[in-house]
Amino acid sequence: MKIKIYNLLLLGGLFASSCTNLDDQVYSEITGDQYPENQIQAQLITNNAYSQLQNHCDHGWWFAQEITGDLIVAPTRGGDWDDGGKWRKLHQHTWDNNIEAVNDMWRNFYNGVTECNKAIEYLGDSETAKNAVAQMKVLRAYYYYLLIDNYGDVPYITSFSEAPEKPQKETRAKIFENIVIDIKASIDDLDGVSKSSVNKYTAYALLAKLYLNAEVFTGTAQWQEAENYCDKVMEGSYGLESNRLAPFSAENENSSENIFTIPYDEDNYQGFLLHRRSLHYNSTVTFDANTTFWNGFCTQEKLVDLFEDGDQRKSGLLLGKQYSSTGEEILDAGAGNAPLVFTKNVPALKMDASYSAQEIKMSGARMVKFEVEKGVKDHMNNDFPIFRLADFKLMKAECELRKAGGSTTEAKTLINEIRTMAGATPWNDADITLDNLLDERGRELWCEGHRRQDLVRFDKFKDGWWEKAPDSEANYIFPIPQWAIDSNPNLK
């Protein structure tokens, strides 16, 4: 056979397809009836599908999961970080379908779907391609998991060459059903333990996440199924790190705790800029940075107060008086040469000239859960964990708690394994409640993109918190971008 090259363009709502038959086209100088001739070549075809994950942390998804929650904030600091109010709209749940984060997520997720569909068609059904095709089907399911989680009913497209120009939406529940089938059908063709590509434990982890949120996605809770797949994940060769911040170190590619990661690299796989978004301008001398910092994101006071003294995880928060790498006091010339001191309190979401320069520039604990290494550049080296073992231990504990309606021995054991390792006080039976478990998920998983989904599942995303009034369950999903609807009225 000859290779046919299909150009699938992302047009607003979704895709407009066109087909050109290039009979003499070759792929890496190997004709279509030969390619792929080995698994290395097959894996190369998957690269574009994986590369869409590169946008996760600085183009929509992370912002929409964390800035919308009750633990992290992007305050306006005088004349800085207003950006047309886009951060306040996320915090206060007053977004519309023209906001940047909503637009970026839609585009990135469907780019991922497109690249998966393209790779599946290129790879075909040869024995050599089986593993790569299985990876693409599970990765496509992951992108659809993100789509139904964030947008609800969306178009469900599983073809590259035959994608409709203006697709209709499918129900969230039906997409859930379809991607569960796809994942389960792919597991036997998956192997390996690579943390940056899909293996069978990635598939188990994704099934556990889907079933954990099944009540939100379909209206029917499936706690036992979620627990079963948490058990499958825990059968893998993963283990908790005794240093609770080790999974986030600058050289965390071999962390025993991380299951599926985005392999960021300061030079070759860029896209992780959290250090620049959070740290103070003058914090460059703390880390001997080869870049500039922008003095923006910080944590809400609630997160600081969740930690008891002695909890290792609290050291992911940068608080108090700041010093250079050689131990010298850091002064802020923009605040009258006052010593740089990070405080847990942020006085307002929008700090105008009525606040002191110190409040505007220094308020809020800064985020160093992901290690900021000495000499850090524009982009960080830390791999970002999409799935991590501690999450699945807490998920299993949640399933136990929800099934039993109260504390179980298994739930207490799982929670206390993490708390004890972190240096936190073990819980008694009376401590094992859903509200306390949500707080524990905050302590363990803050900054990892889980908070919005957790608050939705616990039916608390509509609650009021600091600088955010109670709102509606309608905000449990984001609106489809207006530019998408303009191009495809079927998305209304």
Protein backbone atom coordinates (compact mmCIF):
# COMPACT_ATOMS: atom_id res chain seq x y z
CA MET A 1 0.00 0.00 0.00
CA LYS A 2 1.02 3.65 -0.35
CA ILE A 3 1.03 6.20 2.43
CA LYS A 4 -1.74 8.76 2.37
CA ILE A 5 -1.06 11.96 4.21
CA TYR A 6 -4.10 13.53 5.85
CA ASN A 7 -4.10 17.10 7.07
CA LEU A 8 -6.54 17.55 9.90
CA LEU A 9 -6.97 21.19 10.75
CA LEU A 10 -8.29 22.33 14.09
CA LEU A 11 -11.10 24.63 13.08
CA GLY A 12 -12.87 26.31 15.93
CA GLY A 13 -15.32 23.75 17.21
CA LEU A 14 -13.10 20.92 16.22
CA PHE A 15 -11.81 19.66 12.92
CA ALA A 16 -12.13 20.21 9.20
CA SER A 17 -10.43 17.43 7.26
CA SER A 18 -8.81 17.30 3.87
CA CYS A 19 -7.07 14.41 2.14
CA THR A 20 -4.20 14.45 -0.30
CA ASN A 21 -2.93 11.24 -1.88
CA LEU A 22 0.85 11.46 -2.15
CA ASP A 23 1.65 8.18 -3.88
CA ASP A 24 5.41 8.67 -3.83
CA GLN A 25 5.55 9.95 -0.26
CA VAL A 26 7.93 8.10 2.06
CA TYR A 27 8.21 8.32 5.84
CA SER A 28 11.82 8.45 7.05
CA GLU A 29 12.78 6.93 3.69
CA ILE A 30 10.72 3.80 4.35
CA THR A 31 7.68 3.17 2.17
CA GLY A 32 4.26 2.70 3.66
CA ASP A 33 4.13 -1.06 3.26
CA GLN A 34 7.34 -1.34 5.30
CA TYR A 35 6.74 1.19 8.03
CA PRO A 36 7.01 0.71 10.94
CA GLU A 37 9.46 -2.14 10.62
CA ASN A 38 10.40 -2.20 14.33
CA GLN A 39 9.12 -0.94 17.67
CA ILE A 40 11.54 1.97 17.78
CA GLN A 41 10.07 3.34 14.56
CA ALA A 42 6.58 2.69 15.87
CA GLN A 43 7.34 4.65 19.01
CA LEU A 44 8.63 7.60 16.97
CA ILE A 45 5.21 7.95 15.37
CA THR A 46 3.69 8.54 18.82
CA ASN A 47 5.91 11.51 19.69
CA ASN A 48 3.52 14.25 18.55
CA ALA A 49 0.69 12.77 20.59
CA TYR A 50 2.81 12.81 23.73
CA SER A 51 4.18 16.28 23.02
CA GLN A 52 0.73 17.82 23.58
CA LEU A 53 1.26 17.11 27.29
CA GLN A 54 4.06 19.67 27.20
CA ASN A 55 1.41 22.42 27.38
CA HIS A 56 -0.20 21.08 30.57
CA CYS A 57 1.57 23.25 33.10
CA ASP A 58 1.70 26.65 31.44
CA HIS A 59 -1.09 26.73 28.87
CA GLY A 60 -4.45 26.31 30.51
CA TRP A 61 -4.85 23.03 32.38
CA TRP A 62 -2.79 23.70 35.52
CA PHE A 63 -4.26 27.18 35.88
CA ALA A 64 -7.82 25.87 35.53
CA GLN A 65 -7.26 23.14 38.11
CA GLU A 66 -5.35 25.10 40.77
CA ILE A 67 -6.14 28.81 40.47
CA THR A 68 -9.87 27.97 40.58
CA GLY A 69 -9.46 26.18 43.91
CA ASP A 70 -9.06 27.09 47.56
CA LEU A 71 -5.31 26.60 48.04
CA ILE A 72 -3.40 28.63 45.41
CA VAL A 73 -3.95 32.17 44.18
CA ALA A 74 -2.65 34.53 41.50
CA PRO A 75 -3.23 37.93 43.14
CA THR A 76 -3.00 41.27 41.38
CA ARG A 77 0.07 42.97 42.88
CA GLY A 78 -0.32 46.69 42.28
CA GLY A 79 0.29 47.18 38.58
CA ASP A 80 1.44 43.59 38.11
CA TRP A 81 -0.55 40.45 37.38
CA ASP A 82 -3.82 42.11 36.46
CA ASP A 83 -3.79 40.75 32.89
CA GLY A 84 -7.30 41.92 32.19
CA GLY A 85 -8.59 40.21 35.32
CA LYS A 86 -8.13 36.69 33.92
CA TRP A 87 -6.64 35.33 37.15
CA ARG A 88 -9.35 36.87 39.33
CA LYS A 89 -12.02 35.38 37.08
CA LEU A 90 -10.58 31.93 37.63
CA HIS A 91 -10.34 32.44 41.37
CA GLN A 92 -13.85 33.87 41.74
CA HIS A 93 -15.50 31.51 39.20
CA THR A 94 -16.66 34.39 37.04
CA TRP A 95 -15.09 33.12 33.82
CA ASP A 96 -16.82 33.08 30.46
CA ASN A 97 -16.07 31.19 27.27
CA ASN A 98 -13.52 33.73 26.08
CA ILE A 99 -11.06 33.30 28.93
CA GLU A 100 -7.57 32.13 28.03
CA ALA A 101 -7.34 29.02 30.20
CA VAL A 102 -10.66 27.67 28.89
CA ASN A 103 -9.55 28.29 25.30
CA ASP A 104 -6.11 26.77 25.76
CA MET A 105 -7.35 23.56 27.40
CA TRP A 106 -9.84 22.87 24.62
CA ARG A 107 -7.25 23.44 21.92
CA ASN A 108 -4.54 21.38 23.65
CA PHE A 109 -6.76 18.42 24.50
CA TYR A 110 -8.17 18.15 21.00
CA ASN A 111 -4.73 18.56 19.49
CA GLY A 112 -3.81 15.56 21.61
CA VAL A 113 -6.82 13.59 20.37
CA THR A 114 -5.95 14.48 16.78
CA GLU A 115 -2.35 13.35 17.13
CA CYS A 116 -3.43 10.07 18.75
CA ASN A 117 -5.91 9.39 15.95
CA LYS A 118 -3.29 10.24 13.34
CA ALA A 119 -0.72 7.91 14.94
CA ILE A 120 -3.22 5.04 15.20
CA GLU A 121 -3.97 5.29 11.48
CA TYR A 122 -0.31 5.54 10.50
CA LEU A 123 0.66 2.59 12.71
CA GLY A 124 -1.97 0.21 11.35
CA ASP A 125 -2.59 -3.22 12.81
CA SER A 126 0.75 -5.01 12.40
CA GLU A 127 2.17 -7.04 15.27
CA THR A 128 5.10 -4.61 15.45
CA ALA A 129 2.77 -1.68 16.05
CA LYS A 130 0.52 -3.27 18.70
CA ASN A 131 2.20 -1.73 21.71
CA ALA A 132 2.38 1.74 20.17
CA VAL A 133 -1.27 1.58 19.08
CA ALA A 134 -2.30 0.55 22.60
CA GLN A 135 -0.37 3.51 24.00
CA MET A 136 -2.16 5.86 21.64
CA LYS A 137 -5.60 4.49 22.52
CA VAL A 138 -4.95 4.92 26.24
CA LEU A 139 -3.40 8.35 25.73
CA ARG A 140 -6.42 9.35 23.62
CA ALA A 141 -8.62 8.11 26.47
CA TYR A 142 -6.62 10.32 28.83
CA TYR A 143 -7.27 13.39 26.68
CA TYR A 144 -10.98 12.52 26.59
CA TYR A 145 -10.94 12.03 30.37
CA LEU A 146 -9.66 15.60 30.64
CA LEU A 147 -12.31 16.82 28.20
CA ILE A 148 -15.28 15.27 30.01
CA ASP A 149 -13.83 16.31 33.35
CA ASN A 150 -13.50 19.95 32.32
CA TYR A 151 -16.26 20.42 29.70
CA GLY A 152 -18.85 17.66 30.15
CA ASP A 153 -20.50 16.75 26.83
CA VAL A 154 -18.04 17.12 23.93
CA PRO A 155 -17.48 15.71 20.44
CA TYR A 156 -16.05 12.19 20.45
CA ILE A 157 -13.81 11.61 17.42
CA THR A 158 -11.81 8.41 16.94
CA SER A 159 -10.78 8.83 13.30
CA PHE A 160 -8.19 11.08 11.74
CA SER A 161 -8.93 10.73 8.03
CA GLU A 162 -12.72 10.58 8.43
CA ALA A 163 -13.22 13.18 11.14
CA PRO A 164 -16.39 15.20 10.51
CA GLU A 165 -15.99 18.88 9.78
CA LYS A 166 -18.65 19.95 12.29
CA PRO A 167 -19.11 17.10 14.78
CA GLN A 168 -21.99 16.79 17.21
CA LYS A 169 -21.47 16.54 20.94
CA GLU A 170 -21.65 13.15 22.66
CA THR A 171 -22.82 12.77 26.24
CA ARG A 172 -20.28 12.67 29.01
CA ALA A 173 -21.58 9.30 30.18
CA LYS A 174 -21.26 7.74 26.71
CA ILE A 175 -17.70 8.98 26.29
CA PHE A 176 -16.90 7.58 29.73
CA GLU A 177 -18.24 4.19 28.62
CA ASN A 178 -16.31 4.27 25.34
CA ILE A 179 -12.94 5.22 26.79
CA VAL A 180 -13.24 2.62 29.56
CA ILE A 181 -13.78 -0.02 26.85
CA ASP A 182 -10.79 1.29 24.89
CA ILE A 183 -8.48 1.25 27.90
CA LYS A 184 -9.44 -2.25 28.98
CA ALA A 185 -9.04 -3.58 25.44
CA SER A 186 -5.52 -2.08 25.25
CA ILE A 187 -4.03 -3.28 28.53
CA ASP A 188 -2.80 -6.67 27.31
CA ASP A 189 -0.77 -4.96 24.57
CA LEU A 190 0.97 -2.63 27.02
CA ASP A 191 4.21 -3.39 28.83
CA GLY A 192 7.27 -1.64 30.17
CA VAL A 193 7.71 0.68 33.11
CA SER A 194 8.62 3.94 31.36
CA LYS A 195 7.33 6.87 33.38
CA SER A 196 7.00 9.21 30.41
CA SER A 197 5.02 6.90 28.12
CA VAL A 198 1.89 4.83 28.65
CA ASN A 199 2.33 1.39 30.22
CA LYS A 200 -0.23 -0.93 31.78
CA TYR A 201 0.00 0.81 35.15
CA THR A 202 -0.78 4.11 33.45
CA ALA A 203 -3.89 2.41 32.08
CA TYR A 204 -4.85 1.05 35.51
CA ALA A 205 -4.32 4.51 37.00
CA LEU A 206 -6.55 6.14 34.39
CA LEU A 207 -9.29 3.57 35.00
CA ALA A 208 -9.05 4.23 38.73
CA LYS A 209 -9.44 7.97 38.12
CA LEU A 210 -12.42 7.44 35.82
CA TYR A 211 -14.22 5.17 38.26
CA LEU A 212 -13.39 7.45 41.21
CA ASN A 213 -15.21 10.26 39.41
CA ALA A 214 -17.88 8.06 37.84
CA GLU A 215 -20.68 9.61 39.87
CA VAL A 216 -19.74 13.04 38.51
CA PHE A 217 -19.27 11.77 34.96
CA THR A 218 -22.22 9.38 34.69
CA GLY A 219 -24.49 9.89 37.71
CA THR A 220 -23.65 6.45 39.14
CA ALA A 221 -20.94 5.94 41.77
CA GLN A 222 -18.51 3.07 41.19
CA TRP A 223 -16.36 3.09 44.32
CA GLN A 224 -15.58 -0.63 44.27
CA GLU A 225 -14.35 -0.50 40.69
CA ALA A 226 -12.21 2.51 41.55
CA GLU A 227 -10.73 0.66 44.50
CA ASN A 228 -10.05 -2.42 42.37
CA TYR A 229 -7.97 -0.40 39.94
CA CYS A 230 -6.18 1.42 42.76
CA ASP A 231 -5.15 -2.07 43.89
CA LYS A 232 -3.91 -2.80 40.36
CA VAL A 233 -1.78 0.34 40.45
CA MET A 234 -0.34 -0.60 43.83
CA GLU A 235 0.67 -4.01 42.49
CA GLY A 236 3.26 -2.23 40.34
CA SER A 237 6.87 -1.73 41.35
CA TYR A 238 6.22 1.68 42.88
CA GLY A 239 6.93 2.84 46.42
CA LEU A 240 6.46 5.91 48.58
CA GLU A 241 9.52 8.12 48.93
CA SER A 242 10.72 8.59 52.51
CA ASN A 243 11.55 12.18 51.53
CA ARG A 244 8.06 13.41 50.72
CA LEU A 245 9.37 16.06 48.31
CA ALA A 246 11.60 13.64 46.39
CA PRO A 247 8.92 12.99 43.73
CA PHE A 248 9.25 16.68 42.78
CA SER A 249 13.03 17.11 42.80
CA ALA A 250 14.82 18.55 39.79
CA GLU A 251 16.16 15.05 39.07
CA ASN A 252 13.01 13.05 39.77
CA GLU A 253 12.94 10.98 36.59
CA ASN A 254 13.67 7.82 38.59
CA SER A 255 11.43 8.52 41.57
CA SER A 256 9.91 5.26 42.81
CA GLU A 257 6.64 7.07 43.45
CA ASN A 258 5.91 8.56 40.04
CA ILE A 259 3.85 6.46 37.62
CA PHE A 260 3.24 8.67 34.59
CA THR A 261 5.04 11.97 34.11
CA ILE A 262 5.66 14.83 31.72
CA PRO A 263 9.46 14.69 31.23
CA TYR A 264 10.24 18.39 31.32
CA ASP A 265 13.79 19.47 30.55
CA GLU A 266 15.23 22.98 30.77
CA ASP A 267 16.63 22.79 27.24
CA ASN A 268 15.01 19.96 25.30
CA TYR A 269 11.43 19.62 26.62
CA GLN A 270 10.41 23.01 27.87
CA GLY A 271 7.16 24.25 29.35
CA PHE A 272 7.43 24.24 33.17
CA LEU A 273 7.71 27.82 34.45
CA LEU A 274 6.16 27.66 37.91
CA HIS A 275 9.31 29.05 39.55
CA ARG A 276 9.15 32.17 37.41
CA ARG A 277 5.44 32.69 38.04
CA SER A 278 5.77 32.38 41.82
CA LEU A 279 9.13 33.57 43.12
CA HIS A 280 9.96 37.19 43.95
CA TYR A 281 12.11 39.16 41.52
CA ASN A 282 14.99 39.16 44.01
CA SER A 283 14.72 35.44 44.77
CA THR A 284 17.09 34.99 41.85
CA VAL A 285 19.97 35.45 44.30
CA THR A 286 18.62 32.69 46.52
CA PHE A 287 18.82 30.20 43.68
CA ASP A 288 21.66 31.76 41.62
CA ALA A 289 19.13 31.75 38.82
CA ASN A 290 20.03 32.15 35.19
CA THR A 291 16.64 33.69 34.50
CA THR A 292 14.25 36.27 35.92
CA PHE A 293 11.34 35.67 38.32
CA TRP A 294 7.97 37.39 37.99
CA ASN A 295 6.66 37.58 41.59
CA GLY A 296 3.12 36.33 41.12
CA PHE A 297 1.48 33.09 42.22
CA CYS A 298 1.44 32.12 45.88
CA THR A 299 -0.61 29.98 48.24
CA GLN A 300 -3.70 30.95 50.13
CA GLU A 301 -3.37 31.16 53.88
CA LYS A 302 -5.59 28.10 54.23
CA LEU A 303 -2.94 25.84 52.74
CA VAL A 304 -0.25 27.02 55.14
CA ASP A 305 -2.60 26.42 58.06
CA LEU A 306 -3.34 22.86 56.93
CA PHE A 307 0.18 21.77 57.87
CA GLU A 308 1.32 21.02 61.40
CA ASP A 309 4.89 21.78 62.40
CA GLY A 310 7.17 18.88 61.56
CA ASP A 311 5.26 17.86 58.45
CA GLN A 312 7.91 17.49 55.72
CA ARG A 313 5.45 18.60 53.11
CA LYS A 314 5.30 22.10 54.60
CA SER A 315 8.84 22.71 53.36
CA GLY A 316 7.36 23.01 49.87
CA LEU A 317 6.20 26.46 51.02
CA LEU A 318 8.73 29.29 51.06
CA LEU A 319 7.96 31.52 54.05
CA GLY A 320 9.72 34.04 56.26
CA LYS A 321 12.84 36.12 55.78
CA GLN A 322 14.74 35.42 52.59
CA TYR A 323 18.48 35.17 52.04
CA SER A 324 20.87 34.88 49.14
CA SER A 325 22.67 31.63 48.38
CA THR A 326 25.61 32.97 50.43
CA GLY A 327 23.45 33.84 53.44
CA GLU A 328 23.03 37.57 52.91
CA GLU A 329 19.77 39.31 53.73
CA ILE A 330 17.71 40.11 50.63
CA LEU A 331 16.30 43.63 50.40
CA ASP A 332 13.52 44.84 48.13
CA ALA A 333 14.34 48.23 46.65
CA GLY A 334 10.75 48.54 45.39
CA ALA A 335 9.54 48.33 48.98
CA GLY A 336 11.84 50.95 50.45
CA ASN A 337 14.76 48.54 50.82
CA ALA A 338 12.75 46.50 53.30
CA PRO A 339 13.94 42.95 54.01
CA LEU A 340 12.22 40.39 51.79
CA VAL A 341 9.83 38.43 54.03
CA PHE A 342 7.18 36.09 52.65
CA THR A 343 4.06 36.04 54.84
CA LYS A 344 1.25 33.50 54.76
CA ASN A 345 -1.42 36.19 54.62
CA VAL A 346 -2.50 37.74 51.33
CA PRO A 347 -4.54 40.82 52.25
CA ALA A 348 -6.65 40.92 49.07
CA LEU A 349 -7.07 39.27 45.70
CA LYS A 350 -6.50 42.67 44.10
CA MET A 351 -3.91 44.68 46.00
CA ASP A 352 -4.03 48.29 44.82
CA ALA A 353 -2.19 51.40 46.01
CA SER A 354 -4.09 51.35 49.31
CA TYR A 355 -1.87 48.46 50.40
CA SER A 356 1.74 48.86 51.46
CA ALA A 357 4.56 48.00 49.07
CA GLN A 358 5.55 45.15 51.37
CA GLU A 359 2.03 43.67 51.27
CA ILE A 360 1.82 43.99 47.51
CA LYS A 361 5.23 42.49 46.78
CA MET A 362 5.82 40.02 49.62
CA SER A 363 2.51 38.53 50.70
CA GLY A 364 1.84 34.84 50.23
CA ALA A 365 3.95 31.72 50.67
CA ARG A 366 5.85 30.94 47.48
CA MET A 367 5.77 27.53 45.84
CA VAL A 368 8.93 25.41 45.95
CA LYS A 369 7.27 22.00 46.21
CA PHE A 370 8.88 21.41 42.83
CA GLU A 371 12.54 21.90 43.66
CA VAL A 372 14.09 25.08 42.27
CA GLU A 373 17.65 23.98 41.63
CA LYS A 374 20.69 26.23 41.86
CA GLY A 375 21.34 27.90 38.53
CA VAL A 376 17.78 27.29 37.33
CA LYS A 377 17.05 28.53 33.81
CA ASP A 378 13.87 29.82 32.15
CA HIS A 379 12.35 26.32 32.26
CA MET A 380 12.55 23.74 35.06
CA ASN A 381 14.01 20.24 34.80
CA ASN A 382 11.48 18.60 37.13
CA ASP A 383 9.30 15.90 35.60
CA PHE A 384 5.64 16.63 36.37
CA PRO A 385 3.72 13.66 37.84
CA ILE A 386 0.34 13.14 36.23
CA PHE A 387 -0.16 9.95 38.24
CA ARG A 388 1.67 9.33 41.52
CA LEU A 389 1.41 6.45 44.01
CA ALA A 390 0.42 8.52 47.06
CA ASP A 391 -2.65 9.76 45.19
CA PHE A 392 -3.87 6.21 44.62
CA LYS A 393 -3.38 5.27 48.26
CA LEU A 394 -5.55 8.23 49.25
CA MET A 395 -8.04 7.34 46.50
CA LYS A 396 -8.34 3.79 47.85
CA ALA A 397 -8.86 5.21 51.35
CA GLU A 398 -11.61 7.45 49.97
CA CYS A 399 -13.32 4.48 48.31
CA GLU A 400 -13.18 2.54 51.58
CA LEU A 401 -14.60 5.46 53.49
CA ARG A 402 -17.41 6.09 51.04
CA LYS A 403 -18.42 2.43 50.85
CA ALA A 404 -18.42 1.96 54.61
CA GLY A 405 -19.85 5.33 55.53
CA GLY A 406 -17.05 5.81 58.05
CA SER A 407 -13.55 4.85 59.05
CA THR A 408 -12.14 1.44 58.15
CA THR A 409 -8.89 -0.18 59.22
CA GLU A 410 -7.68 -0.16 55.63
CA ALA A 411 -8.44 3.54 55.13
CA LYS A 412 -6.67 4.49 58.35
CA THR A 413 -3.62 2.39 57.42
CA LEU A 414 -3.31 3.95 53.98
CA ILE A 415 -3.67 7.52 55.24
CA ASN A 416 -1.34 7.04 58.19
CA GLU A 417 1.32 5.44 56.01
CA ILE A 418 1.63 8.76 54.20
CA ARG A 419 1.20 10.97 57.26
CA THR A 420 3.74 9.05 59.34
CA MET A 421 6.30 9.14 56.55
CA ALA A 422 5.76 12.91 56.29
CA GLY A 423 6.25 13.39 60.04
CA ALA A 424 2.61 14.31 60.67
CA THR A 425 0.58 13.00 63.61
CA PRO A 426 -1.17 9.69 62.78
CA TRP A 427 -4.96 9.81 62.71
CA ASN A 428 -7.36 7.97 64.99
CA ASP A 429 -10.67 6.52 63.77
CA ALA A 430 -12.47 9.74 64.67
CA ASP A 431 -10.17 11.67 62.33
CA ILE A 432 -11.11 9.58 59.30
CA THR A 433 -13.86 11.69 57.74
CA LEU A 434 -14.45 12.85 54.19
CA ASP A 435 -13.79 16.47 55.11
CA ASN A 436 -10.49 15.57 56.75
CA LEU A 437 -9.57 13.37 53.81
CA LEU A 438 -10.15 16.28 51.42
CA ASP A 439 -7.79 18.35 53.56
CA GLU A 440 -5.23 15.54 53.49
CA ARG A 441 -5.46 15.39 49.70
CA GLY A 442 -4.75 19.13 49.80
CA ARG A 443 -1.64 18.63 51.93
CA GLU A 444 -0.31 15.81 49.79
CA LEU A 445 -1.37 16.81 46.29
CA TRP A 446 -1.46 20.61 46.21
CA CYS A 447 0.14 22.11 43.10
CA GLU A 448 -0.25 18.86 41.11
CA GLY A 449 -3.45 19.73 39.24
CA HIS A 450 -5.93 17.72 41.35
CA ARG A 451 -7.68 20.36 43.44
CA ARG A 452 -10.56 21.37 41.17
CA GLN A 453 -11.55 17.78 40.45
CA ASP A 454 -11.38 16.90 44.15
CA LEU A 455 -13.56 19.84 45.14
CA VAL A 456 -16.10 18.89 42.46
CA ARG A 457 -16.20 15.25 43.56
CA PHE A 458 -16.65 16.29 47.20
CA ASP A 459 -19.36 18.76 46.06
CA LYS A 460 -17.46 21.74 47.49
CA PHE A 461 -16.35 23.55 44.35
CA LYS A 462 -19.41 25.79 44.64
CA ASP A 463 -18.64 26.74 48.26
CA GLY A 464 -17.38 30.15 49.27
CA TRP A 465 -13.79 30.68 50.42
CA TRP A 466 -11.31 33.54 50.72
CA GLU A 467 -12.24 36.26 48.19
CA LYS A 468 -14.69 33.91 46.46
CA ALA A 469 -18.47 33.94 47.02
CA PRO A 470 -20.58 30.77 46.84
CA ASP A 471 -21.54 30.02 43.27
CA SER A 472 -23.41 27.41 41.24
CA GLU A 473 -22.89 23.79 40.27
CA ALA A 474 -23.08 25.10 36.72
CA ASN A 475 -19.43 26.05 37.22
CA TYR A 476 -18.44 22.43 37.86
CA ILE A 477 -17.61 22.37 34.16
CA PHE A 478 -16.15 25.07 31.94
CA PRO A 479 -17.96 26.50 28.91
CA ILE A 480 -16.86 25.48 25.43
CA PRO A 481 -14.81 28.34 23.94
CA GLN A 482 -16.75 30.90 21.93
CA TRP A 483 -14.37 30.65 18.98
CA ALA A 484 -15.13 26.93 18.84
CA ILE A 485 -18.89 27.53 18.84
CA ASP A 486 -18.55 30.22 16.19
CA SER A 487 -16.89 27.68 13.90
CA ASN A 488 -19.23 24.82 14.79
CA PRO A 489 -22.76 25.72 15.94
CA ASN A 490 -23.28 22.06 16.92
CA LEU A 491 -21.25 22.83 20.05
CA LYS A 492 -23.83 25.23 21.51
